Amino acid sequence: MNDPRPIALTMGDACGIGPEIVLKACARLGDSIPLWVVGDPNRLAREASRLGLPVPAHPIAAATLPADLAHGTDDARAGDAAWRSIVQATQLALAGTVRAIVTAPISKYAMQAAGHHFPGHTELLAELAGGAEVRMMLANHELRVVLDSIHVPLAQALRSLNTPGLVQTLSITHRALQRAGIAQPRIAVAGLNPHAGEAGLFGREEIDIVSPAIALARQAGIDASGPYAPDTVFMRARGFGEFDVVIALYHDQGLIPIKYLGLDEGVNITIGLPFVRTSPDHGTAFDIAGQPGPDGRGLADPSSLIAAIRMAQALSS
């Protein structure tokens, strides 16, 4: 039987498209999935009036924003409200009141301008969950990718690549996919260098760091393999052909193939948390926030958010 508890849906940055896609998602899903929207009910009501959409049935007040807050700008007040919404939703999840969290996009700049110094949702949620070791998984109907490093500069990601950390990434990924119903996940590891280092010709990271991590994971019963040439491994995994998931060794290595397949169905999943958390695979879209669109219903497409809600429902069943 499906879990009857609702899913907490955070409003995101109020200056971006978060409120708009939240309202559109709620209207489109209706009563098929119970949702509690966490944010500023007044902001949601104003956006609902602007867009001609219904107000969510179960708003949870986490913040209050000024009525004249502008669309399309980084504003510390919106960043603080987004942070408060995430904290409130996390508390509901940790208490078992909601079955999962789905987060609308935030502005990292605005949140940090408000004094909350986190690189993004993932790191904030990990701290709120007591310092959980987490990783970011991106998924759509054709491909799953897990990132070994997340929101850090590329040079730092390369310096921080190490065997114990990669073993931990493999273990977290293995457990997460098992919980999702894959009994023995097939995990591919992308190489760092061109041609996965070409036996040391183009770099030794695959020899000195990546291969030892894969060997240790296999000793622990994890079906990990590689490292594979990063320019072909994602194609080999597409459609879940040879592999169920690919481990990418830095942020853009994993996000480029996922986003190339389309933003409409891409979902970001934080694995390693004690609760399910998903989000759409796009940002605040300040350039279209608040724009009326040809029909007056706004330009923002809620498809990725709806995919994230459906994914949260499936993973928390």
Protein backbone atom coordinates (compact mmCIF):
# COMPACT_ATOMS: atom_id res chain seq x y z
CA MET A 1 0.00 0.00 0.00
CA ASN A 2 1.29 3.47 -0.84
CA ASP A 3 2.44 5.70 2.00
CA PRO A 4 -0.48 8.08 2.71
CA ARG A 5 1.75 10.84 4.10
CA PRO A 6 2.16 13.97 1.98
CA ILE A 7 5.26 15.18 0.17
CA ALA A 8 6.71 18.52 1.30
CA LEU A 9 7.27 20.83 -1.68
CA THR A 10 9.41 23.91 -0.98
CA MET A 11 8.63 27.15 -2.80
CA GLY A 12 12.22 27.87 -3.88
CA ASP A 13 13.54 31.37 -4.46
CA ALA A 14 10.57 33.72 -4.57
CA CYS A 15 12.25 35.94 -7.19
CA GLY A 16 12.67 33.05 -9.61
CA ILE A 17 10.26 30.63 -11.24
CA GLY A 18 9.89 28.49 -8.10
CA PRO A 19 6.46 29.76 -7.01
CA GLU A 20 5.18 29.60 -10.59
CA ILE A 21 6.20 26.00 -11.26
CA VAL A 22 5.02 24.96 -7.79
CA LEU A 23 1.56 26.37 -8.50
CA LYS A 24 1.45 24.81 -11.96
CA ALA A 25 2.59 21.44 -10.63
CA CYS A 26 -0.03 21.47 -7.88
CA ALA A 27 -2.75 22.43 -10.34
CA ARG A 28 -1.74 19.75 -12.82
CA LEU A 29 -1.38 16.95 -10.26
CA GLY A 30 -4.54 17.85 -8.36
CA ASP A 31 -5.31 15.34 -5.62
CA SER A 32 -3.35 12.49 -7.23
CA ILE A 33 -0.32 13.14 -4.99
CA PRO A 34 -0.82 14.86 -1.59
CA LEU A 35 1.47 17.91 -1.38
CA TRP A 36 2.23 20.40 1.37
CA VAL A 37 3.79 23.56 -0.06
CA VAL A 38 6.33 25.12 2.31
CA GLY A 39 7.13 28.81 1.89
CA ASP A 40 5.33 32.13 2.08
CA PRO A 41 1.57 31.55 1.61
CA ASN A 42 1.06 35.23 0.76
CA ARG A 43 3.64 35.15 -2.03
CA LEU A 44 2.03 32.00 -3.38
CA ALA A 45 -1.42 33.61 -3.25
CA ARG A 46 -0.18 36.67 -5.16
CA GLU A 47 1.47 34.49 -7.79
CA ALA A 48 -1.67 32.38 -8.06
CA SER A 49 -3.73 35.51 -8.68
CA ARG A 50 -1.26 36.76 -11.31
CA LEU A 51 -1.28 33.44 -13.14
CA GLY A 52 -4.96 32.59 -12.73
CA LEU A 53 -4.15 29.39 -10.84
CA PRO A 54 -5.61 27.92 -7.64
CA VAL A 55 -3.86 28.39 -4.31
CA PRO A 56 -2.36 25.15 -2.93
CA ALA A 57 -4.67 23.38 -0.51
CA HIS A 58 -2.05 22.84 2.22
CA PRO A 59 0.40 25.74 2.51
CA ILE A 60 2.95 25.60 5.35
CA ALA A 61 4.17 29.02 6.44
CA ALA A 62 7.95 29.15 6.80
CA ALA A 63 8.64 32.80 5.93
CA THR A 64 7.04 36.16 5.17
CA LEU A 65 8.17 38.27 2.23
CA PRO A 66 7.37 41.88 1.25
CA ALA A 67 4.65 42.29 -1.34
CA ASP A 68 6.89 44.37 -3.62
CA LEU A 69 9.68 41.79 -3.91
CA ALA A 70 10.79 41.96 -7.55
CA HIS A 71 11.00 39.04 -9.95
CA GLY A 72 14.25 38.20 -11.67
CA THR A 73 16.73 39.55 -9.13
CA ASP A 74 19.00 38.12 -6.46
CA ASP A 75 17.57 39.32 -3.14
CA ALA A 76 18.83 38.28 0.29
CA ARG A 77 15.27 38.35 1.65
CA ALA A 78 14.23 35.70 -0.87
CA GLY A 79 17.38 33.74 -0.06
CA ASP A 80 16.55 33.74 3.63
CA ALA A 81 12.96 32.68 2.94
CA ALA A 82 14.19 29.82 0.73
CA TRP A 83 16.54 28.67 3.50
CA ARG A 84 13.72 28.77 6.06
CA SER A 85 11.50 26.71 3.78
CA ILE A 86 14.18 24.04 3.39
CA VAL A 87 14.76 23.91 7.14
CA GLN A 88 11.02 23.60 7.82
CA ALA A 89 10.58 20.85 5.23
CA THR A 90 13.57 18.94 6.58
CA GLN A 91 12.18 19.08 10.09
CA LEU A 92 8.91 17.64 8.80
CA ALA A 93 10.79 14.83 7.04
CA LEU A 94 12.99 14.00 10.03
CA ALA A 95 9.90 13.87 12.24
CA GLY A 96 8.24 11.47 9.81
CA THR A 97 5.36 13.86 9.13
CA VAL A 98 6.05 13.88 5.38
CA ARG A 99 7.29 10.99 3.26
CA ALA A 100 9.71 13.01 1.10
CA ILE A 101 10.91 16.50 0.19
CA VAL A 102 10.86 18.06 -3.27
CA THR A 103 12.69 21.37 -3.54
CA ALA A 104 12.07 24.09 -6.11
CA PRO A 105 15.16 25.97 -7.37
CA ILE A 106 17.02 28.42 -5.14
CA SER A 107 19.55 31.14 -5.79
CA LYS A 108 22.77 30.10 -4.06
CA TYR A 109 23.94 33.71 -4.24
CA ALA A 110 20.81 35.03 -2.53
CA MET A 111 20.94 32.38 0.20
CA GLN A 112 24.57 33.19 0.93
CA ALA A 113 23.81 36.92 0.87
CA ALA A 114 21.32 36.20 3.67
CA GLY A 115 24.12 34.71 5.76
CA HIS A 116 23.50 31.02 5.04
CA HIS A 117 26.82 29.87 3.66
CA PHE A 118 26.08 26.65 1.83
CA PRO A 119 27.05 25.88 -1.76
CA GLY A 120 23.56 24.54 -2.44
CA HIS A 121 20.67 22.36 -1.35
CA THR A 122 22.76 19.20 -1.07
CA GLU A 123 25.23 20.50 1.48
CA LEU A 124 22.52 22.24 3.51
CA LEU A 125 20.38 19.11 3.68
CA ALA A 126 23.38 17.03 4.71
CA GLU A 127 24.06 19.34 7.66
CA LEU A 128 20.40 19.48 8.68
CA ALA A 129 20.39 15.66 8.64
CA GLY A 130 23.20 15.55 11.18
CA GLY A 131 26.18 15.54 8.86
CA ALA A 132 25.03 12.70 6.60
CA GLU A 133 27.41 11.60 3.85
CA VAL A 134 25.49 12.39 0.70
CA ARG A 135 25.96 12.46 -3.04
CA MET A 136 24.03 14.01 -5.91
CA MET A 137 22.32 11.71 -8.38
CA LEU A 138 20.84 13.06 -11.61
CA ALA A 139 18.34 10.85 -13.38
CA ASN A 140 15.89 10.75 -16.26
CA HIS A 141 14.20 7.90 -18.09
CA GLU A 142 17.42 7.07 -19.98
CA LEU A 143 20.36 7.68 -17.66
CA ARG A 144 21.45 7.89 -14.02
CA VAL A 145 24.61 9.73 -12.98
CA VAL A 146 26.13 10.15 -9.50
CA LEU A 147 28.70 12.86 -8.85
CA ASP A 148 31.79 12.13 -6.77
CA SER A 149 32.22 15.87 -6.11
CA ILE A 150 29.51 18.51 -6.25
CA HIS A 151 29.66 22.29 -6.02
CA VAL A 152 33.39 22.95 -5.89
CA PRO A 153 35.77 24.53 -8.42
CA LEU A 154 37.14 22.06 -10.92
CA ALA A 155 40.71 22.45 -9.65
CA GLN A 156 39.52 21.62 -6.12
CA ALA A 157 37.54 18.63 -7.37
CA LEU A 158 40.66 17.23 -9.02
CA ARG A 159 42.79 17.81 -5.91
CA SER A 160 40.19 16.20 -3.64
CA LEU A 161 39.74 13.02 -5.71
CA ASN A 162 40.89 10.13 -3.52
CA THR A 163 40.38 6.40 -3.17
CA PRO A 164 38.48 6.34 0.18
CA GLY A 165 36.09 9.07 -0.99
CA LEU A 166 35.38 7.26 -4.25
CA VAL A 167 34.76 3.99 -2.37
CA GLN A 168 32.24 5.89 -0.24
CA THR A 169 30.55 7.26 -3.38
CA LEU A 170 30.28 3.73 -4.76
CA SER A 171 28.85 2.42 -1.47
CA ILE A 172 26.26 5.22 -1.17
CA THR A 173 25.22 4.68 -4.79
CA HIS A 174 24.96 0.91 -4.37
CA ARG A 175 22.71 1.24 -1.30
CA ALA A 176 20.54 3.94 -2.88
CA LEU A 177 19.82 1.89 -6.00
CA GLN A 178 19.11 -1.19 -3.91
CA ARG A 179 16.55 0.83 -1.96
CA ALA A 180 15.08 1.89 -5.30
CA GLY A 181 14.51 -1.78 -6.17
CA ILE A 182 17.64 -2.74 -8.16
CA ALA A 183 18.98 -5.82 -6.38
CA GLN A 184 22.53 -5.70 -7.77
CA PRO A 185 23.20 -2.32 -9.40
CA ARG A 186 25.70 -2.26 -12.25
CA ILE A 187 27.92 0.74 -11.54
CA ALA A 188 30.32 2.18 -14.13
CA VAL A 189 33.03 4.64 -13.15
CA ALA A 190 34.04 7.27 -15.68
CA GLY A 191 37.72 8.02 -16.07
CA LEU A 192 39.09 11.43 -15.23
CA ASN A 193 41.46 11.87 -18.15
CA PRO A 194 41.00 11.45 -21.91
CA HIS A 195 40.67 7.76 -22.81
CA ALA A 196 40.61 7.02 -19.05
CA GLY A 197 44.30 7.90 -18.91
CA GLU A 198 45.42 5.54 -21.71
CA ALA A 199 47.35 3.29 -19.30
CA GLY A 200 49.08 6.28 -17.70
CA LEU A 201 49.96 8.09 -20.93
CA PHE A 202 47.51 10.92 -20.19
CA GLY A 203 47.61 10.87 -16.39
CA ARG A 204 47.90 8.43 -13.51
CA GLU A 205 44.70 9.18 -11.57
CA GLU A 206 42.96 6.13 -13.04
CA ILE A 207 45.86 3.89 -11.99
CA ASP A 208 46.64 5.39 -8.59
CA ILE A 209 43.16 6.42 -7.35
CA VAL A 210 40.22 5.14 -9.39
CA SER A 211 41.15 1.50 -10.05
CA PRO A 212 42.04 0.81 -6.39
CA ALA A 213 38.66 2.23 -5.34
CA ILE A 214 36.84 -0.02 -7.79
CA ALA A 215 38.78 -3.05 -6.52
CA LEU A 216 37.90 -2.27 -2.90
CA ALA A 217 34.24 -1.81 -3.80
CA ARG A 218 34.17 -5.13 -5.62
CA GLN A 219 35.67 -6.82 -2.56
CA ALA A 220 32.67 -5.46 -0.63
CA GLY A 221 30.23 -7.07 -3.08
CA ILE A 222 29.53 -4.00 -5.21
CA ASP A 223 29.26 -4.55 -8.98
CA ALA A 224 31.55 -1.66 -9.91
CA SER A 225 33.67 -1.57 -13.04
CA GLY A 226 35.90 0.79 -14.99
CA PRO A 227 37.38 3.27 -15.24
CA TYR A 228 35.88 3.76 -18.68
CA ALA A 229 36.64 6.42 -21.26
CA PRO A 230 34.40 9.33 -20.25
CA ASP A 231 33.52 10.17 -23.85
CA THR A 232 31.69 6.85 -24.37
CA VAL A 233 30.61 5.47 -20.98
CA PHE A 234 27.44 7.56 -20.81
CA MET A 235 26.33 6.26 -24.20
CA ARG A 236 26.97 2.71 -23.01
CA ALA A 237 24.73 3.35 -19.99
CA ARG A 238 21.99 5.16 -21.91
CA GLY A 239 18.70 3.34 -21.73
CA PHE A 240 20.21 1.39 -18.80
CA GLY A 241 21.90 -0.86 -21.32
CA GLU A 242 25.28 -1.98 -19.95
CA PHE A 243 25.06 -0.07 -16.66
CA ASP A 244 22.40 1.17 -14.23
CA VAL A 245 24.40 4.25 -13.23
CA VAL A 246 27.62 6.07 -14.05
CA ILE A 247 29.87 7.67 -11.43
CA ALA A 248 31.17 11.00 -12.71
CA LEU A 249 34.33 12.32 -11.07
CA TYR A 250 33.39 16.00 -11.22
CA HIS A 251 30.26 18.11 -11.56
CA ASP A 252 30.06 18.97 -15.27
CA GLN A 253 31.30 15.56 -16.42
CA GLY A 254 28.01 14.15 -15.13
CA LEU A 255 25.61 17.02 -15.69
CA ILE A 256 26.39 17.66 -19.35
CA PRO A 257 25.13 14.27 -20.63
CA ILE A 258 22.06 14.37 -18.38
CA LYS A 259 21.09 17.88 -19.43
CA TYR A 260 21.86 17.20 -23.08
CA LEU A 261 19.11 14.58 -22.99
CA GLY A 262 16.66 17.33 -21.98
CA LEU A 263 15.67 19.38 -18.96
CA ASP A 264 11.99 18.45 -19.02
CA GLU A 265 12.39 15.12 -17.22
CA GLY A 266 15.70 15.51 -15.43
CA VAL A 267 15.55 14.97 -11.66
CA ASN A 268 18.16 15.69 -9.00
CA ILE A 269 18.13 13.13 -6.15
CA THR A 270 20.16 13.51 -2.97
CA ILE A 271 21.28 10.02 -1.96
CA GLY A 272 22.55 9.19 1.52
CA LEU A 273 19.94 11.20 3.44
CA PRO A 274 17.61 9.51 5.96
CA PHE A 275 14.68 10.66 3.81
CA VAL A 276 13.94 11.03 0.09
CA ARG A 277 14.77 14.36 -1.51
CA THR A 278 14.41 15.27 -5.18
CA SER A 279 14.40 18.47 -7.20
CA PRO A 280 14.06 19.60 -10.82
CA ASP A 281 17.19 19.63 -12.94
CA HIS A 282 17.22 23.38 -13.61
CA GLY A 283 17.73 26.68 -11.84
CA THR A 284 15.76 29.77 -10.90
CA ALA A 285 15.45 31.07 -14.50
CA PHE A 286 15.46 34.71 -13.43
CA ASP A 287 15.27 35.74 -17.11
CA ILE A 288 11.69 34.44 -17.46
CA ALA A 289 10.47 34.81 -13.86
CA GLY A 290 7.36 36.95 -13.61
CA GLN A 291 6.88 37.15 -17.38
CA PRO A 292 3.21 36.77 -18.36
CA GLY A 293 3.65 34.63 -21.48
CA PRO A 294 1.29 34.62 -24.46
CA ASP A 295 -1.62 33.20 -22.46
CA GLY A 296 -0.96 35.13 -19.25
CA ARG A 297 -0.03 31.90 -17.46
CA GLY A 298 3.72 32.51 -17.32
CA LEU A 299 6.60 31.09 -19.32
CA ALA A 300 7.97 28.56 -16.83
CA ASP A 301 7.52 24.86 -17.61
CA PRO A 302 6.75 22.69 -14.54
CA SER A 303 7.60 19.38 -16.27
CA SER A 304 10.89 18.77 -14.44
CA LEU A 305 9.33 19.63 -11.09
CA ILE A 306 6.44 17.25 -11.78
CA ALA A 307 8.98 14.56 -12.70
CA ALA A 308 10.75 15.24 -9.39
CA ILE A 309 7.48 14.89 -7.47
CA ARG A 310 6.66 11.61 -9.21
CA MET A 311 10.19 10.36 -8.54
CA ALA A 312 9.88 11.27 -4.84
CA GLN A 313 6.58 9.42 -4.69
CA ALA A 314 8.09 6.32 -6.28
CA LEU A 315 11.23 6.31 -4.12
CA SER A 316 9.30 6.79 -0.88
CA SER A 317 6.64 4.14 -1.55
